[in-house]
Amino acid sequence: MKFAKLLPLALVSVALFSCEPNDPDHGHEEELITTLNVDLEAGGSTVTLNFQDIDGDGGDAPIITVDKLAANTTYAGSITLFNESEDPAEELTAEIFDEAEEHQFFFATTGASMFAYADQDNNGNPVGLSFELTTGDAGMESYTITLRHEPEKTATGVSGGDITNAGGETDIEVVFDVTVE
């Protein structure tokens, strides 16, 4: 009889002291990123790539707009991020900059265009809010822009923009189909 009374107490003790929390707090409050704007400037003119999904995942499809890019041109690029589900809209770019050690953008292309980081965090690792984009010859390409939270910036290839070993969590990933002419 004593065993039957002690068993529930023992099980509760094991549950309280042997399990990890189901939802650990990593000190990062997940922000909803509804809008990603890319401004590309060359020779005094600016072209833009925009992604907007105000209701987040699910619901309405995102709106993606893409200006045409010039072939064999180097653009100075910058990214701004917003949560436009709030009124007024909240710009998140400064937060990403303030938490630069915990964030990195990754750029991939299906064509000859090349991306190069133009900014870094306090540890000398790339961030990607500012970058250079050099287009190749005329044609169609896709650019994938991914923001990772807590990537392993010292892992092989990560500082060069290779997402393969980055780990971390994807905050936003957008594919832009672009025309280079």
N, C-alpha and C. Protein backbone atom coordinates (compact mmCIF):
# COMPACT_ATOMS: atom_id res chain seq x y z
N MET A 1 0.81 -1.19 0.00
CA MET A 1 0.00 0.00 0.00
C MET A 1 0.86 1.26 0.00
N LYS A 2 1.97 1.25 0.79
CA LYS A 2 2.86 2.40 0.80
C LYS A 2 3.41 2.66 -0.60
N PHE A 3 3.74 1.59 -1.32
CA PHE A 3 4.28 1.71 -2.67
C PHE A 3 3.29 2.41 -3.58
N ALA A 4 2.03 2.10 -3.49
CA ALA A 4 1.01 2.71 -4.34
C ALA A 4 0.88 4.20 -4.05
N LYS A 5 1.09 4.63 -2.80
CA LYS A 5 0.99 6.04 -2.46
C LYS A 5 2.24 6.81 -2.92
N LEU A 6 3.40 6.18 -2.90
CA LEU A 6 4.65 6.85 -3.26
C LEU A 6 4.90 6.89 -4.76
N LEU A 7 4.33 5.97 -5.51
CA LEU A 7 4.57 5.90 -6.96
C LEU A 7 4.17 7.18 -7.68
N PRO A 8 2.98 7.76 -7.46
CA PRO A 8 2.65 9.01 -8.14
C PRO A 8 3.63 10.14 -7.80
N LEU A 9 4.07 10.23 -6.54
CA LEU A 9 5.02 11.25 -6.15
C LEU A 9 6.36 11.04 -6.85
N ALA A 10 6.80 9.81 -6.98
CA ALA A 10 8.05 9.51 -7.67
C ALA A 10 7.96 9.87 -9.14
N LEU A 11 6.85 9.59 -9.78
CA LEU A 11 6.69 9.91 -11.19
C LEU A 11 6.68 11.42 -11.43
N VAL A 12 6.03 12.16 -10.53
CA VAL A 12 6.03 13.61 -10.65
C VAL A 12 7.44 14.15 -10.47
N SER A 13 8.21 13.62 -9.52
CA SER A 13 9.58 14.06 -9.30
C SER A 13 10.44 13.81 -10.54
N VAL A 14 10.32 12.65 -11.15
CA VAL A 14 11.07 12.33 -12.36
C VAL A 14 10.69 13.30 -13.47
N ALA A 15 9.41 13.58 -13.62
CA ALA A 15 8.95 14.48 -14.67
C ALA A 15 9.47 15.89 -14.45
N LEU A 16 9.54 16.34 -13.20
CA LEU A 16 9.97 17.71 -12.92
C LEU A 16 11.47 17.90 -13.07
N PHE A 17 12.26 16.88 -12.79
CA PHE A 17 13.70 17.08 -12.75
C PHE A 17 14.47 16.41 -13.88
N SER A 18 13.84 15.64 -14.73
CA SER A 18 14.60 14.94 -15.75
C SER A 18 14.30 15.40 -17.17
N CYS A 19 13.36 16.31 -17.36
CA CYS A 19 12.98 16.70 -18.71
C CYS A 19 13.45 18.10 -19.03
N GLU A 20 13.80 18.31 -20.28
CA GLU A 20 14.10 19.64 -20.78
C GLU A 20 12.77 20.38 -20.98
N PRO A 21 12.79 21.70 -20.92
CA PRO A 21 11.55 22.44 -21.19
C PRO A 21 11.09 22.20 -22.62
N ASN A 22 9.79 22.18 -22.81
CA ASN A 22 9.25 21.96 -24.15
C ASN A 22 9.49 23.16 -25.06
N ASP A 23 9.52 24.35 -24.49
CA ASP A 23 9.68 25.56 -25.28
C ASP A 23 10.74 26.44 -24.63
N PRO A 24 12.03 26.06 -24.80
CA PRO A 24 13.06 26.84 -24.13
C PRO A 24 13.12 28.26 -24.67
N ASP A 25 13.45 29.19 -23.79
CA ASP A 25 13.57 30.59 -24.18
C ASP A 25 15.02 30.85 -24.57
N HIS A 26 15.24 31.13 -25.84
CA HIS A 26 16.58 31.41 -26.33
C HIS A 26 16.86 32.91 -26.35
N GLY A 27 16.00 33.72 -25.77
CA GLY A 27 16.21 35.15 -25.75
C GLY A 27 15.89 35.82 -27.08
N HIS A 28 15.21 35.11 -27.97
CA HIS A 28 14.88 35.67 -29.29
C HIS A 28 13.38 35.57 -29.48
N GLU A 29 12.74 36.71 -29.53
CA GLU A 29 11.32 36.72 -29.81
C GLU A 29 11.14 36.69 -31.32
N GLU A 30 10.45 35.69 -31.81
CA GLU A 30 10.24 35.53 -33.24
C GLU A 30 9.42 36.69 -33.78
N GLU A 31 9.97 37.36 -34.77
CA GLU A 31 9.28 38.46 -35.43
C GLU A 31 8.64 37.96 -36.70
N LEU A 32 7.48 38.46 -37.01
CA LEU A 32 6.84 38.15 -38.28
C LEU A 32 7.40 39.10 -39.32
N ILE A 33 8.03 38.54 -40.35
CA ILE A 33 8.55 39.34 -41.45
C ILE A 33 7.57 39.18 -42.61
N THR A 34 6.85 40.23 -42.90
CA THR A 34 5.85 40.17 -43.97
C THR A 34 6.37 40.76 -45.28
N THR A 35 7.42 41.58 -45.19
CA THR A 35 7.89 42.31 -46.36
C THR A 35 9.41 42.34 -46.39
N LEU A 36 9.95 42.00 -47.55
CA LEU A 36 11.38 42.08 -47.79
C LEU A 36 11.57 42.92 -49.04
N ASN A 37 12.27 44.06 -48.88
CA ASN A 37 12.55 44.95 -50.01
C ASN A 37 14.04 44.92 -50.30
N VAL A 38 14.39 44.76 -51.57
CA VAL A 38 15.77 44.81 -52.01
C VAL A 38 15.91 45.98 -52.97
N ASP A 39 16.76 46.93 -52.62
CA ASP A 39 17.06 48.05 -53.51
C ASP A 39 18.43 47.82 -54.10
N LEU A 40 18.51 47.93 -55.44
CA LEU A 40 19.77 47.74 -56.17
C LEU A 40 20.06 49.01 -56.94
N GLU A 41 21.19 49.66 -56.64
CA GLU A 41 21.53 50.94 -57.26
C GLU A 41 22.78 50.80 -58.10
N ALA A 42 22.72 51.32 -59.31
CA ALA A 42 23.87 51.37 -60.21
C ALA A 42 23.72 52.57 -61.13
N GLY A 43 24.77 53.36 -61.25
CA GLY A 43 24.77 54.48 -62.17
C GLY A 43 23.68 55.50 -61.92
N GLY A 44 23.30 55.69 -60.67
CA GLY A 44 22.30 56.69 -60.34
C GLY A 44 20.86 56.23 -60.46
N SER A 45 20.62 55.00 -60.91
CA SER A 45 19.24 54.50 -60.95
C SER A 45 19.09 53.29 -60.04
N THR A 46 17.88 53.12 -59.55
CA THR A 46 17.59 52.05 -58.60
C THR A 46 16.54 51.11 -59.18
N VAL A 47 16.80 49.82 -59.03
CA VAL A 47 15.80 48.80 -59.35
C VAL A 47 15.45 48.09 -58.05
N THR A 48 14.28 47.49 -57.99
CA THR A 48 13.84 46.87 -56.74
C THR A 48 13.33 45.46 -56.96
N LEU A 49 13.47 44.67 -55.91
CA LEU A 49 12.87 43.35 -55.79
C LEU A 49 12.06 43.41 -54.51
N ASN A 50 10.78 43.10 -54.57
CA ASN A 50 9.93 43.21 -53.39
C ASN A 50 9.12 41.94 -53.17
N PHE A 51 9.04 41.56 -51.90
CA PHE A 51 8.21 40.44 -51.47
C PHE A 51 7.32 40.97 -50.36
N GLN A 52 6.00 40.70 -50.47
CA GLN A 52 5.06 41.14 -49.45
C GLN A 52 4.02 40.05 -49.23
N ASP A 53 3.89 39.62 -47.98
CA ASP A 53 2.89 38.62 -47.60
C ASP A 53 2.34 39.04 -46.24
N ILE A 54 1.42 39.99 -46.27
CA ILE A 54 0.94 40.63 -45.04
C ILE A 54 0.28 39.66 -44.07
N ASP A 55 -0.37 38.62 -44.57
CA ASP A 55 -1.02 37.68 -43.65
C ASP A 55 -0.11 36.52 -43.25
N GLY A 56 1.18 36.58 -43.65
CA GLY A 56 2.12 35.52 -43.26
C GLY A 56 1.84 34.23 -44.01
N ASP A 57 2.39 33.12 -43.50
CA ASP A 57 2.18 31.81 -44.14
C ASP A 57 0.70 31.48 -44.19
N GLY A 58 0.31 30.89 -45.30
CA GLY A 58 -1.09 30.52 -45.47
C GLY A 58 -1.89 31.73 -45.92
N GLY A 59 -3.16 31.56 -46.08
CA GLY A 59 -4.02 32.67 -46.49
C GLY A 59 -3.72 33.12 -47.90
N ASP A 60 -3.61 34.43 -48.07
CA ASP A 60 -3.37 34.99 -49.40
C ASP A 60 -1.94 34.72 -49.86
N ALA A 61 -1.79 34.57 -51.17
CA ALA A 61 -0.47 34.36 -51.76
C ALA A 61 0.35 35.64 -51.64
N PRO A 62 1.68 35.51 -51.52
CA PRO A 62 2.51 36.71 -51.46
C PRO A 62 2.50 37.46 -52.78
N ILE A 63 2.82 38.74 -52.71
CA ILE A 63 2.96 39.57 -53.90
C ILE A 63 4.45 39.80 -54.10
N ILE A 64 4.95 39.39 -55.26
CA ILE A 64 6.36 39.55 -55.57
C ILE A 64 6.48 40.41 -56.81
N THR A 65 7.24 41.50 -56.71
CA THR A 65 7.47 42.37 -57.86
C THR A 65 8.98 42.46 -58.09
N VAL A 66 9.35 42.46 -59.37
CA VAL A 66 10.76 42.45 -59.73
C VAL A 66 10.98 43.37 -60.92
N ASP A 67 11.89 44.34 -60.76
CA ASP A 67 12.31 45.17 -61.88
C ASP A 67 13.36 44.41 -62.69
N LYS A 68 13.50 44.78 -63.95
CA LYS A 68 14.53 44.17 -64.80
C LYS A 68 15.89 44.73 -64.43
N LEU A 69 16.91 43.88 -64.51
CA LEU A 69 18.27 44.28 -64.19
C LEU A 69 19.08 44.37 -65.48
N ALA A 70 20.11 45.20 -65.47
CA ALA A 70 20.99 45.35 -66.62
C ALA A 70 22.06 44.27 -66.59
N ALA A 71 22.40 43.76 -67.75
CA ALA A 71 23.44 42.74 -67.87
C ALA A 71 24.81 43.34 -67.56
N ASN A 72 25.70 42.49 -67.03
CA ASN A 72 27.09 42.86 -66.78
C ASN A 72 27.23 44.18 -66.03
N THR A 73 26.46 44.29 -64.95
CA THR A 73 26.41 45.51 -64.15
C THR A 73 26.61 45.16 -62.68
N THR A 74 27.32 46.01 -61.96
CA THR A 74 27.48 45.83 -60.52
C THR A 74 26.55 46.80 -59.80
N TYR A 75 25.71 46.23 -58.95
CA TYR A 75 24.74 46.99 -58.17
C TYR A 75 25.15 47.01 -56.70
N ALA A 76 24.95 48.14 -56.04
CA ALA A 76 25.05 48.22 -54.58
C ALA A 76 23.67 47.85 -54.05
N GLY A 77 23.60 46.81 -53.23
CA GLY A 77 22.31 46.33 -52.74
C GLY A 77 22.10 46.58 -51.27
N SER A 78 20.84 46.77 -50.90
CA SER A 78 20.47 46.89 -49.50
C SER A 78 19.11 46.24 -49.29
N ILE A 79 18.93 45.70 -48.11
CA ILE A 79 17.69 45.00 -47.75
C ILE A 79 17.02 45.72 -46.59
N THR A 80 15.71 45.89 -46.69
CA THR A 80 14.90 46.36 -45.57
C THR A 80 13.80 45.35 -45.33
N LEU A 81 13.45 45.18 -44.07
CA LEU A 81 12.45 44.20 -43.64
C LEU A 81 11.38 44.89 -42.82
N PHE A 82 10.13 44.42 -42.99
CA PHE A 82 9.01 45.01 -42.26
C PHE A 82 8.06 43.92 -41.77
N ASN A 83 7.33 44.26 -40.71
CA ASN A 83 6.14 43.53 -40.30
C ASN A 83 4.99 44.48 -40.56
N GLU A 84 4.33 44.29 -41.70
CA GLU A 84 3.22 45.17 -42.07
C GLU A 84 1.86 44.64 -41.62
N SER A 85 1.88 43.59 -40.81
CA SER A 85 0.61 43.12 -40.25
C SER A 85 0.19 44.00 -39.08
N GLU A 86 1.11 44.85 -38.61
CA GLU A 86 0.82 45.78 -37.53
C GLU A 86 0.49 47.15 -38.11
N ASP A 87 -0.22 47.96 -37.34
CA ASP A 87 -0.55 49.32 -37.77
C ASP A 87 -0.12 50.28 -36.67
N PRO A 88 0.90 51.07 -36.85
CA PRO A 88 1.65 51.24 -38.10
C PRO A 88 2.63 50.08 -38.31
N ALA A 89 3.08 49.92 -39.55
CA ALA A 89 4.02 48.87 -39.89
C ALA A 89 5.31 49.04 -39.07
N GLU A 90 5.90 47.92 -38.69
CA GLU A 90 7.13 47.94 -37.91
C GLU A 90 8.30 47.58 -38.81
N GLU A 91 9.28 48.48 -38.91
CA GLU A 91 10.49 48.14 -39.67
C GLU A 91 11.39 47.30 -38.77
N LEU A 92 11.89 46.18 -39.30
CA LEU A 92 12.69 45.24 -38.53
C LEU A 92 14.17 45.29 -38.87
N THR A 93 14.54 46.11 -39.84
CA THR A 93 15.92 46.15 -40.31
C THR A 93 16.88 46.51 -39.18
N ALA A 94 16.56 47.51 -38.38
CA ALA A 94 17.44 47.93 -37.29
C ALA A 94 17.62 46.81 -36.27
N GLU A 95 16.58 46.04 -36.03
CA GLU A 95 16.68 44.92 -35.09
C GLU A 95 17.65 43.87 -35.61
N ILE A 96 17.57 43.57 -36.91
CA ILE A 96 18.50 42.61 -37.52
C ILE A 96 19.93 43.15 -37.41
N PHE A 97 20.11 44.43 -37.67
CA PHE A 97 21.43 45.05 -37.55
C PHE A 97 21.93 44.98 -36.11
N ASP A 98 21.07 45.29 -35.14
CA ASP A 98 21.46 45.25 -33.73
C ASP A 98 21.82 43.84 -33.28
N GLU A 99 21.21 42.84 -33.89
CA GLU A 99 21.47 41.44 -33.57
C GLU A 99 22.28 40.78 -34.70
N ALA A 100 23.22 41.52 -35.27
CA ALA A 100 23.97 41.05 -36.43
C ALA A 100 24.73 39.75 -36.17
N GLU A 101 25.25 39.56 -34.96
CA GLU A 101 25.97 38.33 -34.66
C GLU A 101 25.05 37.11 -34.74
N GLU A 102 23.75 37.32 -34.64
CA GLU A 102 22.77 36.23 -34.63
C GLU A 102 22.06 36.06 -35.97
N HIS A 103 22.45 36.83 -36.99
CA HIS A 103 21.75 36.79 -38.27
C HIS A 103 22.73 36.82 -39.44
N GLN A 104 22.33 36.18 -40.53
CA GLN A 104 23.08 36.27 -41.78
C GLN A 104 22.13 35.98 -42.94
N PHE A 105 22.24 36.83 -43.96
CA PHE A 105 21.54 36.59 -45.21
C PHE A 105 22.42 35.70 -46.09
N PHE A 106 21.76 34.84 -46.85
CA PHE A 106 22.44 34.00 -47.83
C PHE A 106 21.80 34.26 -49.18
N PHE A 107 22.63 34.29 -50.20
CA PHE A 107 22.19 34.61 -51.55
C PHE A 107 22.57 33.45 -52.48
N ALA A 108 21.62 33.00 -53.28
CA ALA A 108 21.89 31.95 -54.26
C ALA A 108 21.30 32.39 -55.59
N THR A 109 21.93 31.97 -56.65
CA THR A 109 21.44 32.31 -57.98
C THR A 109 21.51 31.08 -58.89
N THR A 110 20.60 31.03 -59.83
CA THR A 110 20.62 29.94 -60.81
C THR A 110 21.38 30.33 -62.06
N GLY A 111 21.93 31.55 -62.10
CA GLY A 111 22.63 32.02 -63.30
C GLY A 111 24.03 32.48 -62.98
N ALA A 112 24.53 33.40 -63.80
CA ALA A 112 25.91 33.87 -63.69
C ALA A 112 26.08 35.02 -62.71
N SER A 113 25.01 35.58 -62.18
CA SER A 113 25.13 36.69 -61.23
C SER A 113 25.88 36.23 -59.98
N MET A 114 26.59 37.20 -59.36
CA MET A 114 27.35 36.90 -58.15
C MET A 114 27.03 37.93 -57.08
N PHE A 115 26.91 37.45 -55.86
CA PHE A 115 26.65 38.30 -54.70
C PHE A 115 27.91 38.36 -53.85
N ALA A 116 28.18 39.51 -53.23
CA ALA A 116 29.30 39.66 -52.29
C ALA A 116 28.83 40.52 -51.12
N TYR A 117 29.16 40.08 -49.91
CA TYR A 117 28.78 40.83 -48.71
C TYR A 117 29.51 42.17 -48.65
N ALA A 118 28.80 43.20 -48.18
CA ALA A 118 29.39 44.53 -48.03
C ALA A 118 29.30 45.03 -46.59
N ASP A 119 28.86 44.17 -45.67
CA ASP A 119 28.79 44.54 -44.26
C ASP A 119 29.19 43.34 -43.41
N GLN A 120 29.44 43.62 -42.13
CA GLN A 120 29.83 42.55 -41.22
C GLN A 120 29.39 42.87 -39.80
N ASP A 121 29.35 41.81 -38.98
CA ASP A 121 28.99 42.00 -37.57
C ASP A 121 30.24 42.41 -36.79
N ASN A 122 30.11 42.56 -35.49
CA ASN A 122 31.24 42.99 -34.65
C ASN A 122 32.37 41.98 -34.58
N ASN A 123 32.10 40.75 -35.02
CA ASN A 123 33.13 39.70 -35.03
C ASN A 123 33.78 39.55 -36.40
N GLY A 124 33.42 40.43 -37.33
CA GLY A 124 34.00 40.36 -38.66
C GLY A 124 33.35 39.37 -39.60
N ASN A 125 32.19 38.84 -39.21
CA ASN A 125 31.46 37.89 -40.05
C ASN A 125 30.39 38.62 -40.87
N PRO A 126 30.05 38.09 -42.03
CA PRO A 126 29.08 38.77 -42.90
C PRO A 126 27.68 38.79 -42.31
N VAL A 127 26.92 39.83 -42.73
CA VAL A 127 25.51 39.95 -42.34
C VAL A 127 24.64 39.88 -43.59
N GLY A 128 24.83 40.81 -44.53
CA GLY A 128 24.09 40.78 -45.79
C GLY A 128 23.01 41.82 -45.94
N LEU A 129 22.84 42.71 -44.97
CA LEU A 129 21.90 43.81 -45.16
C LEU A 129 22.38 44.71 -46.29
N SER A 130 23.71 44.78 -46.47
CA SER A 130 24.32 45.49 -47.59
C SER A 130 25.17 44.49 -48.36
N PHE A 131 25.13 44.60 -49.68
CA PHE A 131 25.87 43.64 -50.51
C PHE A 131 26.09 44.24 -51.89
N GLU A 132 26.89 43.56 -52.69
CA GLU A 132 27.04 43.89 -54.10
C GLU A 132 26.51 42.74 -54.93
N LEU A 133 25.83 43.08 -55.99
CA LEU A 133 25.32 42.09 -56.94
C LEU A 133 25.91 42.44 -58.30
N THR A 134 26.61 41.50 -58.89
CA THR A 134 27.15 41.68 -60.23
C THR A 134 26.43 40.72 -61.15
N THR A 135 25.72 41.27 -62.11
CA THR A 135 24.96 40.44 -63.05
C THR A 135 25.88 39.93 -64.16
N GLY A 136 25.45 38.85 -64.78
CA GLY A 136 26.17 38.30 -65.92
C GLY A 136 25.49 38.74 -67.20
N ASP A 137 25.58 37.90 -68.22
CA ASP A 137 24.96 38.18 -69.51
C ASP A 137 23.44 38.14 -69.40
N ALA A 138 22.79 38.65 -70.43
CA ALA A 138 21.32 38.68 -70.47
C ALA A 138 20.74 37.28 -70.35
N GLY A 139 19.59 37.19 -69.69
CA GLY A 139 18.90 35.91 -69.54
C GLY A 139 17.98 35.94 -68.33
N MET A 140 17.40 34.81 -68.04
CA MET A 140 16.51 34.64 -66.88
C MET A 140 17.28 33.93 -65.77
N GLU A 141 17.09 34.39 -64.54
CA GLU A 141 17.71 33.78 -63.37
C GLU A 141 16.72 33.80 -62.22
N SER A 142 17.02 33.02 -61.21
CA SER A 142 16.30 33.08 -59.94
C SER A 142 17.30 33.41 -58.85
N TYR A 143 16.94 34.38 -58.00
CA TYR A 143 17.75 34.72 -56.84
C TYR A 143 16.98 34.25 -55.61
N THR A 144 17.63 33.48 -54.77
CA THR A 144 17.04 33.07 -53.50
C THR A 144 17.76 33.82 -52.39
N ILE A 145 16.97 34.56 -51.61
CA ILE A 145 17.51 35.32 -50.47
C ILE A 145 16.92 34.71 -49.20
N THR A 146 17.83 34.27 -48.32
CA THR A 146 17.44 33.59 -47.09
C THR A 146 18.06 34.30 -45.90
N LEU A 147 17.25 34.59 -44.90
CA LEU A 147 17.75 35.13 -43.64
C LEU A 147 17.73 34.01 -42.61
N ARG A 148 18.91 33.72 -42.04
CA ARG A 148 19.01 32.71 -41.00
C ARG A 148 19.25 33.36 -39.65
N HIS A 149 18.55 32.85 -38.65
CA HIS A 149 18.74 33.26 -37.26
C HIS A 149 19.65 32.24 -36.60
N GLU A 150 20.68 32.72 -35.91
CA GLU A 150 21.67 31.92 -35.21
C GLU A 150 22.37 30.90 -36.11
N PRO A 151 22.87 31.35 -37.28
CA PRO A 151 23.68 30.43 -38.08
C PRO A 151 25.03 30.21 -37.40
N GLU A 152 25.69 29.14 -37.74
CA GLU A 152 27.04 28.87 -37.26
C GLU A 152 28.00 29.57 -38.21
N LYS A 153 28.29 30.84 -37.93
CA LYS A 153 29.04 31.68 -38.85
C LYS A 153 30.48 31.22 -39.06
N THR A 154 31.01 30.42 -38.14
CA THR A 154 32.39 29.93 -38.30
C THR A 154 32.46 28.57 -38.98
N ALA A 155 31.32 28.00 -39.34
CA ALA A 155 31.32 26.70 -40.02
C ALA A 155 31.89 26.85 -41.43
N THR A 156 32.35 25.76 -41.98
CA THR A 156 32.98 25.75 -43.30
C THR A 156 32.08 26.37 -44.36
N GLY A 157 32.61 27.40 -45.03
CA GLY A 157 31.94 28.03 -46.16
C GLY A 157 30.91 29.10 -45.81
N VAL A 158 30.48 29.17 -44.56
CA VAL A 158 29.39 30.08 -44.18
C VAL A 158 29.80 31.54 -44.39
N SER A 159 31.01 31.91 -44.01
CA SER A 159 31.43 33.31 -44.17
C SER A 159 31.52 33.71 -45.64
N GLY A 160 31.63 32.73 -46.54
CA GLY A 160 31.63 33.00 -47.97
C GLY A 160 30.24 32.96 -48.58
N GLY A 161 29.22 32.72 -47.76
CA GLY A 161 27.84 32.74 -48.23
C GLY A 161 27.25 31.38 -48.55
N ASP A 162 27.95 30.29 -48.21
CA ASP A 162 27.42 28.95 -48.44
C ASP A 162 26.53 28.56 -47.27
N ILE A 163 25.26 28.34 -47.54
CA ILE A 163 24.27 28.05 -46.50
C ILE A 163 24.32 26.59 -46.02
N THR A 164 25.05 25.74 -46.75
CA THR A 164 25.05 24.30 -46.48
C THR A 164 25.32 23.95 -45.03
N ASN A 165 26.33 24.53 -44.42
CA ASN A 165 26.72 24.20 -43.03
C ASN A 165 26.26 25.23 -42.01
N ALA A 166 25.39 26.15 -42.43
CA ALA A 166 25.02 27.27 -41.56
C ALA A 166 24.17 26.86 -40.36
N GLY A 167 23.30 25.90 -40.52
CA GLY A 167 22.39 25.58 -39.43
C GLY A 167 21.49 26.77 -39.12
N GLY A 168 21.05 26.88 -37.88
CA GLY A 168 20.17 27.97 -37.49
C GLY A 168 18.76 27.76 -38.00
N GLU A 169 17.94 28.80 -37.83
CA GLU A 169 16.54 28.75 -38.26
C GLU A 169 16.31 29.79 -39.35
N THR A 170 15.51 29.42 -40.34
CA THR A 170 15.20 30.35 -41.42
C THR A 170 14.11 31.30 -40.96
N ASP A 171 14.43 32.61 -40.95
CA ASP A 171 13.44 33.63 -40.62
C ASP A 171 12.58 33.97 -41.83
N ILE A 172 13.21 34.04 -43.01
CA ILE A 172 12.47 34.28 -44.25
C ILE A 172 13.33 33.78 -45.40
N GLU A 173 12.67 33.24 -46.41
CA GLU A 173 13.34 32.81 -47.65
C GLU A 173 12.43 33.18 -48.81
N VAL A 174 13.01 33.91 -49.77
CA VAL A 174 12.22 34.40 -50.91
C VAL A 174 12.99 34.07 -52.20
N VAL A 175 12.25 33.63 -53.21
CA VAL A 175 12.82 33.38 -54.53
C VAL A 175 12.28 34.44 -55.46
N PHE A 176 13.19 35.19 -56.10
CA PHE A 176 12.85 36.20 -57.07
C PHE A 176 13.26 35.71 -58.46
N ASP A 177 12.31 35.63 -59.40
CA ASP A 177 12.62 35.31 -60.78
C ASP A 177 12.92 36.63 -61.49
N VAL A 178 14.15 36.78 -61.99
CA VAL A 178 14.58 38.06 -62.53
C VAL A 178 14.94 37.94 -64.02
N THR A 179 14.76 39.05 -64.70
CA THR A 179 15.18 39.17 -66.09
C THR A 179 16.40 40.09 -66.13
N VAL A 180 17.48 39.57 -66.69
CA VAL A 180 18.69 40.37 -66.88
C VAL A 180 18.76 40.67 -68.36
N GLU A 181 18.78 41.97 -68.71
CA GLU A 181 18.79 42.31 -70.13
C GLU A 181 19.85 43.34 -70.48
